Amino acid sequence: MEKKNDQQARRSSALRAGALGAVTTLMTLFLTSPALALTRDDGDDPGHGLSVAETLGLFVFTPLAIFLIIAALVTLGSKPRKSQKQS
């Protein structure tokens, strides 16, 4: 009998988590709709758009380069040092 109650509790917990995720997603979509408006605001002065190369460089290659630099520094810092033999 306990096994059945445990399965029922898991099922209701999963259902509750799924419902919460769905409601959160829908609320996010409804609340961000004004951000997607095409009308200009007063004082709005957007610059020129980014090219594909500029976008990839800014959002892909720059973070990747920073990650690789930090990973290399951490690896070099944790590398065991060889003890020098004293003659």
PDB file of N, CA and C in Angstrom:
ATOM      1  N   MET A   1       0.819  -1.186   0.000  1.00  0.00           N
ATOM      2  CA  MET A   1       0.000   0.000   0.000  1.00  0.00           C
ATOM      3  C   MET A   1       0.868   1.256   0.000  1.00  0.00           C
ATOM      4  N   GLU A   2       2.002   1.184   0.720  1.00  0.00           N
ATOM      5  CA  GLU A   2       2.902   2.346   0.764  1.00  0.00           C
ATOM      6  C   GLU A   2       3.493   2.640  -0.599  1.00  0.00           C
ATOM      7  N   LYS A   3       3.772   1.583  -1.369  1.00  0.00           N
ATOM      8  CA  LYS A   3       4.352   1.765  -2.692  1.00  0.00           C
ATOM      9  C   LYS A   3       3.388   2.536  -3.597  1.00  0.00           C
ATOM     10  N   LYS A   4       2.116   2.240  -3.489  1.00  0.00           N
ATOM     11  CA  LYS A   4       1.112   2.920  -4.293  1.00  0.00           C
ATOM     12  C   LYS A   4       1.012   4.389  -3.889  1.00  0.00           C
ATOM     13  N   ASN A   5       1.062   4.664  -2.594  1.00  0.00           N
ATOM     14  CA  ASN A   5       1.022   6.048  -2.114  1.00  0.00           C
ATOM     15  C   ASN A   5       2.264   6.814  -2.563  1.00  0.00           C
ATOM     16  N   ASP A   6       3.409   6.146  -2.564  1.00  0.00           N
ATOM     17  CA  ASP A   6       4.658   6.787  -2.983  1.00  0.00           C
ATOM     18  C   ASP A   6       4.608   7.141  -4.466  1.00  0.00           C
ATOM     19  N   GLN A   7       4.081   6.227  -5.288  1.00  0.00           N
ATOM     20  CA  GLN A   7       3.947   6.505  -6.716  1.00  0.00           C
ATOM     21  C   GLN A   7       2.951   7.630  -6.966  1.00  0.00           C
ATOM     22  N   GLN A   8       1.871   7.633  -6.206  1.00  0.00           N
ATOM     23  CA  GLN A   8       0.872   8.691  -6.346  1.00  0.00           C
ATOM     24  C   GLN A   8       1.471  10.042  -5.956  1.00  0.00           C
ATOM     25  N   ALA A   9       2.286  10.082  -4.927  1.00  0.00           N
ATOM     26  CA  ALA A   9       2.923  11.327  -4.489  1.00  0.00           C
ATOM     27  C   ALA A   9       3.903  11.821  -5.543  1.00  0.00           C
ATOM     28  N   ARG A  10       4.656  10.903  -6.131  1.00  0.00           N
ATOM     29  CA  ARG A  10       5.596  11.290  -7.187  1.00  0.00           C
ATOM     30  C   ARG A  10       4.862  11.827  -8.406  1.00  0.00           C
ATOM     31  N   ARG A  11       3.769  11.167  -8.767  1.00  0.00           N
ATOM     32  CA  ARG A  11       2.997  11.582  -9.926  1.00  0.00           C
ATOM     33  C   ARG A  11       2.399  12.968  -9.703  1.00  0.00           C
ATOM     34  N   SER A  12       1.851  13.214  -8.529  1.00  0.00           N
ATOM     35  CA  SER A  12       1.252  14.525  -8.273  1.00  0.00           C
ATOM     36  C   SER A  12       2.336  15.600  -8.177  1.00  0.00           C
ATOM     37  N   SER A  13       3.502  15.235  -7.662  1.00  0.00           N
ATOM     38  CA  SER A  13       4.616  16.196  -7.596  1.00  0.00           C
ATOM     39  C   SER A  13       5.096  16.555  -8.998  1.00  0.00           C
ATOM     40  N   ALA A  14       5.183  15.560  -9.879  1.00  0.00           N
ATOM     41  CA  ALA A  14       5.604  15.819 -11.255  1.00  0.00           C
ATOM     42  C   ALA A  14       4.559  16.655 -11.984  1.00  0.00           C
ATOM     43  N   LEU A  15       3.286  16.383 -11.745  1.00  0.00           N
ATOM     44  CA  LEU A  15       2.213  17.151 -12.366  1.00  0.00           C
ATOM     45  C   LEU A  15       2.243  18.603 -11.896  1.00  0.00           C
ATOM     46  N   ARG A  16       2.479  18.787 -10.610  1.00  0.00           N
ATOM     47  CA  ARG A  16       2.566  20.140 -10.056  1.00  0.00           C
ATOM     48  C   ARG A  16       3.758  20.894 -10.644  1.00  0.00           C
ATOM     49  N   ALA A  17       4.905  20.232 -10.783  1.00  0.00           N
ATOM     50  CA  ALA A  17       6.093  20.871 -11.359  1.00  0.00           C
ATOM     51  C   ALA A  17       5.855  21.223 -12.825  1.00  0.00           C
ATOM     52  N   GLY A  18       5.209  20.343 -13.563  1.00  0.00           N
ATOM     53  CA  GLY A  18       4.905  20.635 -14.963  1.00  0.00           C
ATOM     54  C   GLY A  18       3.944  21.795 -15.110  1.00  0.00           C
ATOM     55  N   ALA A  19       2.926  21.850 -14.262  1.00  0.00           N
ATOM     56  CA  ALA A  19       1.968  22.952 -14.311  1.00  0.00           C
ATOM     57  C   ALA A  19       2.650  24.271 -13.965  1.00  0.00           C
ATOM     58  N   LEU A  20       3.520  24.253 -12.977  1.00  0.00           N
ATOM     59  CA  LEU A  20       4.247  25.457 -12.599  1.00  0.00           C
ATOM     60  C   LEU A  20       5.150  25.927 -13.733  1.00  0.00           C
ATOM     61  N   GLY A  21       5.821  24.997 -14.407  1.00  0.00           N
ATOM     62  CA  GLY A  21       6.664  25.357 -15.541  1.00  0.00           C
ATOM     63  C   GLY A  21       5.861  25.942 -16.688  1.00  0.00           C
ATOM     64  N   ALA A  22       4.701  25.365 -16.968  1.00  0.00           N
ATOM     65  CA  ALA A  22       3.854  25.864 -18.055  1.00  0.00           C
ATOM     66  C   ALA A  22       3.325  27.259 -17.737  1.00  0.00           C
ATOM     67  N   VAL A  23       2.861  27.466 -16.511  1.00  0.00           N
ATOM     68  CA  VAL A  23       2.339  28.780 -16.121  1.00  0.00           C
ATOM     69  C   VAL A  23       3.445  29.826 -16.162  1.00  0.00           C
ATOM     70  N   THR A  24       4.625  29.473 -15.685  1.00  0.00           N
ATOM     71  CA  THR A  24       5.743  30.414 -15.699  1.00  0.00           C
ATOM     72  C   THR A  24       6.123  30.797 -17.130  1.00  0.00           C
ATOM     73  N   THR A  25       6.154  29.827 -18.017  1.00  0.00           N
ATOM     74  CA  THR A  25       6.478  30.100 -19.417  1.00  0.00           C
ATOM     75  C   THR A  25       5.432  31.001 -20.062  1.00  0.00           C
ATOM     76  N   LEU A  26       4.173  30.702 -19.830  1.00  0.00           N
ATOM     77  CA  LEU A  26       3.111  31.520 -20.415  1.00  0.00           C
ATOM     78  C   LEU A  26       3.127  32.941 -19.860  1.00  0.00           C
ATOM     79  N   MET A  27       3.343  33.093 -18.569  1.00  0.00           N
ATOM     80  CA  MET A  27       3.393  34.436 -17.982  1.00  0.00           C
ATOM     81  C   MET A  27       4.578  35.216 -18.538  1.00  0.00           C
ATOM     82  N   THR A  28       5.701  34.554 -18.730  1.00  0.00           N
ATOM     83  CA  THR A  28       6.866  35.221 -19.301  1.00  0.00           C
ATOM     84  C   THR A  28       6.564  35.687 -20.725  1.00  0.00           C
ATOM     85  N   LEU A  29       5.914  34.853 -21.510  1.00  0.00           N
ATOM     86  CA  LEU A  29       5.576  35.240 -22.876  1.00  0.00           C
ATOM     87  C   LEU A  29       4.591  36.402 -22.915  1.00  0.00           C
ATOM     88  N   PHE A  30       3.598  36.383 -22.040  1.00  0.00           N
ATOM     89  CA  PHE A  30       2.614  37.464 -22.030  1.00  0.00           C
ATOM     90  C   PHE A  30       3.213  38.774 -21.539  1.00  0.00           C
ATOM     91  N   LEU A  31       4.104  38.707 -20.564  1.00  0.00           N
ATOM     92  CA  LEU A  31       4.659  39.930 -20.000  1.00  0.00           C
ATOM     93  C   LEU A  31       5.757  40.539 -20.863  1.00  0.00           C
ATOM     94  N   THR A  32       6.371  39.760 -21.746  1.00  0.00           N
ATOM     95  CA  THR A  32       7.424  40.304 -22.595  1.00  0.00           C
ATOM     96  C   THR A  32       6.900  40.811 -23.917  1.00  0.00           C
ATOM     97  N   SER A  33       5.621  40.690 -24.180  1.00  0.00           N
ATOM     98  CA  SER A  33       5.093  41.149 -25.455  1.00  0.00           C
ATOM     99  C   SER A  33       5.315  42.638 -25.693  1.00  0.00           C
ATOM    100  N   PRO A  34       5.230  43.544 -24.691  1.00  0.00           N
ATOM    101  CA  PRO A  34       5.526  44.950 -24.966  1.00  0.00           C
ATOM    102  C   PRO A  34       6.974  45.174 -25.403  1.00  0.00           C
ATOM    103  N   ALA A  35       7.874  44.301 -24.998  1.00  0.00           N
ATOM    104  CA  ALA A  35       9.263  44.462 -25.381  1.00  0.00           C
ATOM    105  C   ALA A  35       9.464  44.190 -26.873  1.00  0.00           C
ATOM    106  N   LEU A  36       8.531  43.514 -27.490  1.00  0.00           N
ATOM    107  CA  LEU A  36       8.644  43.175 -28.904  1.00  0.00           C
ATOM    108  C   LEU A  36       7.898  44.162 -29.800  1.00  0.00           C
ATOM    109  N   ALA A  37       7.417  45.276 -29.240  1.00  0.00           N
ATOM    110  CA  ALA A  37       6.635  46.240 -30.006  1.00  0.00           C
ATOM    111  C   ALA A  37       7.515  46.908 -31.062  1.00  0.00           C
ATOM    112  N   LEU A  38       6.896  47.254 -32.182  1.00  0.00           N
ATOM    113  CA  LEU A  38       7.633  47.861 -33.283  1.00  0.00           C
ATOM    114  C   LEU A  38       7.578  49.380 -33.272  1.00  0.00           C
ATOM    115  N   THR A  39       6.795  49.956 -32.371  1.00  0.00           N
ATOM    116  CA  THR A  39       6.690  51.416 -32.326  1.00  0.00           C
ATOM    117  C   THR A  39       7.902  51.999 -31.627  1.00  0.00           C
ATOM    118  N   ARG A  40       8.347  53.151 -32.103  1.00  0.00           N
ATOM    119  CA  ARG A  40       9.493  53.831 -31.519  1.00  0.00           C
ATOM    120  C   ARG A  40       9.050  54.685 -30.339  1.00  0.00           C
ATOM    121  N   ASP A  41       9.876  54.740 -29.322  1.00  0.00           N
ATOM    122  CA  ASP A  41       9.637  55.603 -28.185  1.00  0.00           C
ATOM    123  C   ASP A  41      10.286  56.952 -28.438  1.00  0.00           C
ATOM    124  N   ASP A  42       9.861  57.954 -27.695  1.00  0.00           N
ATOM    125  CA  ASP A  42      10.482  59.273 -27.815  1.00  0.00           C
ATOM    126  C   ASP A  42      11.939  59.184 -27.397  1.00  0.00           C
ATOM    127  N   GLY A  43      12.813  59.767 -28.191  1.00  0.00           N
ATOM    128  CA  GLY A  43      14.240  59.746 -27.881  1.00  0.00           C
ATOM    129  C   GLY A  43      14.934  58.469 -28.291  1.00  0.00           C
ATOM    130  N   ASP A  44      14.221  57.557 -28.905  1.00  0.00           N
ATOM    131  CA  ASP A  44      14.803  56.298 -29.340  1.00  0.00           C
ATOM    132  C   ASP A  44      15.693  56.552 -30.553  1.00  0.00           C
ATOM    133  N   ASP A  45      16.943  56.184 -30.451  1.00  0.00           N
ATOM    134  CA  ASP A  45      17.886  56.401 -31.545  1.00  0.00           C
ATOM    135  C   ASP A  45      18.743  55.150 -31.718  1.00  0.00           C
ATOM    136  N   PRO A  46      18.178  54.101 -32.321  1.00  0.00           N
ATOM    137  CA  PRO A  46      18.958  52.878 -32.473  1.00  0.00           C
ATOM    138  C   PRO A  46      20.093  53.077 -33.467  1.00  0.00           C
ATOM    139  N   GLY A  47      21.195  52.449 -33.198  1.00  0.00           N
ATOM    140  CA  GLY A  47      22.330  52.518 -34.110  1.00  0.00           C
ATOM    141  C   GLY A  47      22.162  51.551 -35.260  1.00  0.00           C
ATOM    142  N   HIS A  48      23.238  51.385 -36.013  1.00  0.00           N
ATOM    143  CA  HIS A  48      23.189  50.447 -37.132  1.00  0.00           C
ATOM    144  C   HIS A  48      23.199  49.015 -36.590  1.00  0.00           C
ATOM    145  N   GLY A  49      22.663  48.118 -37.367  1.00  0.00           N
ATOM    146  CA  GLY A  49      22.620  46.724 -36.942  1.00  0.00           C
ATOM    147  C   GLY A  49      23.984  46.063 -37.047  1.00  0.00           C
ATOM    148  N   LEU A  50      24.131  44.942 -36.380  1.00  0.00           N
ATOM    149  CA  LEU A  50      25.374  44.184 -36.445  1.00  0.00           C
ATOM    150  C   LEU A  50      25.333  43.227 -37.625  1.00  0.00           C
ATOM    151  N   SER A  51      26.477  43.037 -38.242  1.00  0.00           N
ATOM    152  CA  SER A  51      26.564  42.042 -39.302  1.00  0.00           C
ATOM    153  C   SER A  51      26.634  40.656 -38.669  1.00  0.00           C
ATOM    154  N   VAL A  52      26.549  39.633 -39.488  1.00  0.00           N
ATOM    155  CA  VAL A  52      26.624  38.261 -38.984  1.00  0.00           C
ATOM    156  C   VAL A  52      27.977  38.007 -38.335  1.00  0.00           C
ATOM    157  N   ALA A  53      29.051  38.484 -38.955  1.00  0.00           N
ATOM    158  CA  ALA A  53      30.394  38.287 -38.400  1.00  0.00           C
ATOM    159  C   ALA A  53      30.548  39.014 -37.067  1.00  0.00           C
ATOM    160  N   GLU A  54      30.013  40.233 -36.970  1.00  0.00           N
ATOM    161  CA  GLU A  54      30.096  40.972 -35.709  1.00  0.00           C
ATOM    162  C   GLU A  54      29.286  40.287 -34.614  1.00  0.00           C
ATOM    163  N   THR A  55      28.134  39.769 -34.970  1.00  0.00           N
ATOM    164  CA  THR A  55      27.298  39.076 -33.988  1.00  0.00           C
ATOM    165  C   THR A  55      27.975  37.812 -33.494  1.00  0.00           C
ATOM    166  N   LEU A  56      28.512  37.019 -34.410  1.00  0.00           N
ATOM    167  CA  LEU A  56      29.209  35.790 -34.001  1.00  0.00           C
ATOM    168  C   LEU A  56      30.445  36.117 -33.165  1.00  0.00           C
ATOM    169  N   GLY A  57      31.173  37.137 -33.559  1.00  0.00           N
ATOM    170  CA  GLY A  57      32.353  37.514 -32.792  1.00  0.00           C
ATOM    171  C   GLY A  57      31.999  37.966 -31.395  1.00  0.00           C
ATOM    172  N   LEU A  58      30.937  38.746 -31.271  1.00  0.00           N
ATOM    173  CA  LEU A  58      30.557  39.301 -29.974  1.00  0.00           C
ATOM    174  C   LEU A  58      29.919  38.272 -29.056  1.00  0.00           C
ATOM    175  N   PHE A  59      29.057  37.423 -29.584  1.00  0.00           N
ATOM    176  CA  PHE A  59      28.283  36.522 -28.737  1.00  0.00           C
ATOM    177  C   PHE A  59      28.755  35.072 -28.740  1.00  0.00           C
ATOM    178  N   VAL A  60      29.670  34.701 -29.630  1.00  0.00           N
ATOM    179  CA  VAL A  60      30.160  33.323 -29.665  1.00  0.00           C
ATOM    180  C   VAL A  60      31.657  33.267 -29.407  1.00  0.00           C
ATOM    181  N   PHE A  61      32.433  33.931 -30.267  1.00  0.00           N
ATOM    182  CA  PHE A  61      33.879  33.775 -30.193  1.00  0.00           C
ATOM    183  C   PHE A  61      34.514  34.483 -28.998  1.00  0.00           C
ATOM    184  N   THR A  62      34.031  35.668 -28.638  1.00  0.00           N
ATOM    185  CA  THR A  62      34.597  36.368 -27.484  1.00  0.00           C
ATOM    186  C   THR A  62      34.362  35.593 -26.187  1.00  0.00           C
ATOM    187  N   PRO A  63      33.133  35.134 -25.873  1.00  0.00           N
ATOM    188  CA  PRO A  63      32.965  34.330 -24.656  1.00  0.00           C
ATOM    189  C   PRO A  63      33.758  33.031 -24.687  1.00  0.00           C
ATOM    190  N   LEU A  64      33.852  32.412 -25.868  1.00  0.00           N
ATOM    191  CA  LEU A  64      34.628  31.181 -25.989  1.00  0.00           C
ATOM    192  C   LEU A  64      36.103  31.445 -25.720  1.00  0.00           C
ATOM    193  N   ALA A  65      36.636  32.537 -26.235  1.00  0.00           N
ATOM    194  CA  ALA A  65      38.038  32.887 -25.993  1.00  0.00           C
ATOM    195  C   ALA A  65      38.270  33.178 -24.518  1.00  0.00           C
ATOM    196  N   ILE A  66      37.364  33.904 -23.888  1.00  0.00           N
ATOM    197  CA  ILE A  66      37.507  34.194 -22.459  1.00  0.00           C
ATOM    198  C   ILE A  66      37.467  32.904 -21.651  1.00  0.00           C
ATOM    199  N   PHE A  67      36.555  31.993 -22.002  1.00  0.00           N
ATOM    200  CA  PHE A  67      36.483  30.714 -21.305  1.00  0.00           C
ATOM    201  C   PHE A  67      37.784  29.929 -21.452  1.00  0.00           C
ATOM    202  N   LEU A  68      38.323  29.883 -22.665  1.00  0.00           N
ATOM    203  CA  LEU A  68      39.566  29.133 -22.891  1.00  0.00           C
ATOM    204  C   LEU A  68      40.741  29.749 -22.138  1.00  0.00           C
ATOM    205  N   ILE A  69      40.809  31.069 -22.085  1.00  0.00           N
ATOM    206  CA  ILE A  69      41.888  31.733 -21.339  1.00  0.00           C
ATOM    207  C   ILE A  69      41.782  31.403 -19.853  1.00  0.00           C
ATOM    208  N   ILE A  70      40.580  31.495 -19.295  1.00  0.00           N
ATOM    209  CA  ILE A  70      40.402  31.184 -17.870  1.00  0.00           C
ATOM    210  C   ILE A  70      40.708  29.715 -17.600  1.00  0.00           C
ATOM    211  N   ALA A  71      40.257  28.822 -18.482  1.00  0.00           N
ATOM    212  CA  ALA A  71      40.537  27.389 -18.296  1.00  0.00           C
ATOM    213  C   ALA A  71      42.033  27.111 -18.365  1.00  0.00           C
ATOM    214  N   ALA A  72      42.744  27.774 -19.274  1.00  0.00           N
ATOM    215  CA  ALA A  72      44.192  27.582 -19.373  1.00  0.00           C
ATOM    216  C   ALA A  72      44.894  28.090 -18.123  1.00  0.00           C
ATOM    217  N   LEU A  73      44.472  29.247 -17.608  1.00  0.00           N
ATOM    218  CA  LEU A  73      45.091  29.786 -16.399  1.00  0.00           C
ATOM    219  C   LEU A  73      44.844  28.891 -15.189  1.00  0.00           C
ATOM    220  N   VAL A  74      43.638  28.343 -15.076  1.00  0.00           N
ATOM    221  CA  VAL A  74      43.333  27.435 -13.965  1.00  0.00           C
ATOM    222  C   VAL A  74      44.137  26.157 -14.094  1.00  0.00           C
ATOM    223  N   THR A  75      44.252  25.630 -15.310  1.00  0.00           N
ATOM    224  CA  THR A  75      45.011  24.405 -15.530  1.00  0.00           C
ATOM    225  C   THR A  75      46.489  24.613 -15.212  1.00  0.00           C
ATOM    226  N   LEU A  76      47.039  25.734 -15.667  1.00  0.00           N
ATOM    227  CA  LEU A  76      48.450  26.011 -15.380  1.00  0.00           C
ATOM    228  C   LEU A  76      48.682  26.251 -13.897  1.00  0.00           C
ATOM    229  N   GLY A  77      47.712  26.870 -13.233  1.00  0.00           N
ATOM    230  CA  GLY A  77      47.859  27.136 -11.799  1.00  0.00           C
ATOM    231  C   GLY A  77      47.767  25.887 -10.954  1.00  0.00           C
ATOM    232  N   SER A  78      47.053  24.885 -11.402  1.00  0.00           N
ATOM    233  CA  SER A  78      46.887  23.667 -10.612  1.00  0.00           C
ATOM    234  C   SER A  78      47.817  22.545 -11.057  1.00  0.00           C
ATOM    235  N   LYS A  79      48.635  22.812 -12.051  1.00  0.00           N
ATOM    236  CA  LYS A  79      49.569  21.800 -12.545  1.00  0.00           C
ATOM    237  C   LYS A  79      50.629  21.521 -11.479  1.00  0.00           C
ATOM    238  N   PRO A  80      50.874  20.254 -11.152  1.00  0.00           N
ATOM    239  CA  PRO A  80      51.881  19.956 -10.134  1.00  0.00           C
ATOM    240  C   PRO A  80      53.274  20.349 -10.628  1.00  0.00           C
ATOM    241  N   ARG A  81      54.023  20.945  -9.750  1.00  0.00           N
ATOM    242  CA  ARG A  81      55.366  21.383 -10.116  1.00  0.00           C
ATOM    243  C   ARG A  81      56.364  20.281  -9.816  1.00  0.00           C
ATOM    244  N   LYS A  82      57.329  20.158 -10.709  1.00  0.00           N
ATOM    245  CA  LYS A  82      58.379  19.172 -10.505  1.00  0.00           C
ATOM    246  C   LYS A  82      59.390  19.735  -9.500  1.00  0.00           C
ATOM    247  N   SER A  83      59.755  18.909  -8.554  1.00  0.00           N
ATOM    248  CA  SER A  83      60.724  19.364  -7.561  1.00  0.00           C
ATOM    249  C   SER A  83      62.117  19.357  -8.183  1.00  0.00           C
ATOM    250  N   GLN A  84      62.852  20.386  -7.885  1.00  0.00           N
ATOM    251  CA  GLN A  84      64.208  20.477  -8.424  1.00  0.00           C
ATOM    252  C   GLN A  84      65.146  19.674  -7.520  1.00  0.00           C
ATOM    253  N   LYS A  85      65.964  18.851  -8.151  1.00  0.00           N
ATOM    254  CA  LYS A  85      66.911  18.046  -7.383  1.00  0.00           C
ATOM    255  C   LYS A  85      68.099  18.901  -6.982  1.00  0.00           C
ATOM    256  N   GLN A  86      68.457  18.842  -5.755  1.00  0.00           N
ATOM    257  CA  GLN A  86      69.624  19.589  -5.289  1.00  0.00           C
ATOM    258  C   GLN A  86      70.838  18.690  -5.315  1.00  0.00           C
ATOM    259  N   SER A  87      71.933  19.169  -5.957  1.00  0.00           N
ATOM    260  CA  SER A  87      73.134  18.350  -6.070  1.00  0.00           C
ATOM    261  C   SER A  87      74.064  18.608  -4.928  1.00  0.00           C
TER     262      SER A  87
END
